[in-house]
Amino acid sequence: MIHNLSYRAFVYGTENEEKVREAICTILPTAAPEKEITEGYHKNQVIILQGKITRKREIKDFLEKLNTIKPSTKKRILGELEDRMDERGNLFLRFDKQRAYLGDIKLVEHGDSLHLKLKIAAYPARKEEALKVARQIFED
């Protein structure tokens, strides 16, 4: 159902890197993010934690984790699938970092979040086909 999953989170100066790593692992239990240090707009240090999951077992773990989200969150994702998916079948989701650290998976719109890009396995690789597969994922 999912070819691969890319993720990214920014760690700002006021945040604890280990806590952000734990937040990532709440959603992606097998995540082992790579660390990149960059400079923010105000010359402050920003750490980017990112990675890609391609193993079927790890993707299955993520899908099992998705089954634990609130029904209202699943319903919201289903209602917004068209807007959250690009023409190549990539589904974009953002989850609250602080809530994930506390064990709660909450969908958000703001940029200070855990960014996920799911490459939906659809043939042919068109948005219409990917939407059908994505609906199956979130309706279960």
Foldseek 3Di string as FASTA:
>chain_A
DFQKKKKKAKAFPVGDPVLLVQLVCLQQVPDDWDWDWDADPVRGIMIMTIDMGGDPVSVVVNLVSLVPADLVQLVVCLVCQVVQADFQLKGKWWFASVVSSVNHTHTDDDDNTMIMITRADFVPRGSVRSSVRVNVSSVD
